[in-house]
Amino acid sequence: TTAARAYPTTATTAAMSSASQHLAPALARLPGAASRRSAPPVTRCHAVRHADDVSAPESRSVSSGRRALFLAAGVGASIPILARPARASEASNLASLASQEPDAEIALEIWDEVVRLARRSGELSTPAGGEWLYSRATCLGGLSRWTDAERAYAEAADVLKLALESSRPGKRDRAGALTLALAHDGRSLALGALSDWPAAVDASRRALAAGGAAGVAENGGVDVPTATLLAGLRGGPPTVAQRLDFNAAMARWGAGDVGFAANALARLDKGPSPVAGQGGQFWEARAALAAALYANGSLPAAEAEWSQLCEPVGPNPPATPSDPFRKVVNRAAQGAFDAGGILMDKRCEDFATGTPLPCDDAGIPGSGGSASPCLIFTYAETERRLWPAIARRALLDFIKDGPEALRR
């Protein structure tokens, strides 16, 4: 991971000089980034590596050394260092650095400094300031600091809402509306983690309204940004519209309305379905639906849903280009790959358990060779995905009752 990290440029170094005069020479010796983001950055914060994350963990010495560098600069220090008003570019350039930091704790310290600089320069009330507040909230959520995350998401939503309302009439800021929707959604998750389900329901309604304004369901839907809280988990929501609908249904379940949750989950789009006959790949929604049907007294329907989810799934088919020339090239490359596979050593093993597995038929990553999606959703997994306690318990009781699919 360290080889691919973007290091601060000279512009970023100059921006950080207000935090520390002696940090600039150290940063100036680091290689410059290949490019700079023109849009307000969103952090890549990840506090804990999950089974879904196949990248190599960063060495403790690298992380500690980088932390020492930032702390030497006074980033995140409790004692204010700036004696003069911040320049408008300083928060922006430091945000570029924060957005590339993979360690959530270090990133949070940098985002704290970004917010402090933005308050001084007046940038915090701009759309970019709302983006920075949202990124800081995501870091707090990644660290499971739910009380702080809820407040941070609320502040980000307030700033983004005001920015959207003050934009030119007739101009639709889809990016700002999308971030606003995700801020409300993140706040709903944080409130759920704090067991304040009535407030979580209200936040999820606001998320759905903002998502509609952002057009998240138009033209096939908007993919969930990779930096979003809980994004990238196996079988999770592929699009923002699916994510908002799912979290709204789960919030209602947390508030005690399992009937509404079961109906909402039944209507929810569970695609995509790239392989005919295998059902939608939004596995989490299908598992939640089975548990909700069971909790609502519809055992046969729950059994049927769970049975379908336990059917082994195969790999997605290779993409086929629509351009005729590229289609021929793609077919030739696929043929060459298949021919090479005849001579390839296919002996592999599961990363977590060491179980020997064929490399070309190893099942779902992290499942020990199984290709049944239903086996992913254990009690611990649903707790990690912030399901309401009553939903987790319903799934646990359903599995303990022994669904037909697990008795085969």
Foldseek 3Di string as FASTA:
>chain_A
DVVPFAAAALLLLVLLVLLPVVLSVVSNPDDHGPDFDPDQAAALEAADDDLLDPDDDDDPVVVVVVLVSCVVSVQLPPDDRHPDQRAPCSLRSLSRVLRRDHHLVSSLSSLVVSLVNCVRHVNCLELSVLSSLLNNLLSCVNVVVLVVSLVSLVSSLVSLVVNQVPDDPPDQDLVSLLSNLLSLQSNLLSCLVVLVLVSSLVSLVSSQVSCVSSVQPPPPGAADDSSRRPPPDFLADGHPNLSSLLSNLLSVVSVPCLVSSLVSLVPGDQADDQDPPLDHSSLVSLLLNLLSCVVVPNNVVSLVSLLSLQPFDDDHDDDADPDPVVNVVVVVVVVVVVVVVVVDDQWDAQPPPRHTDGNRQQADHPPRRTRRRSVCDALVNVVSVSRRPVSSVSSVVSVVVPRPNRVD
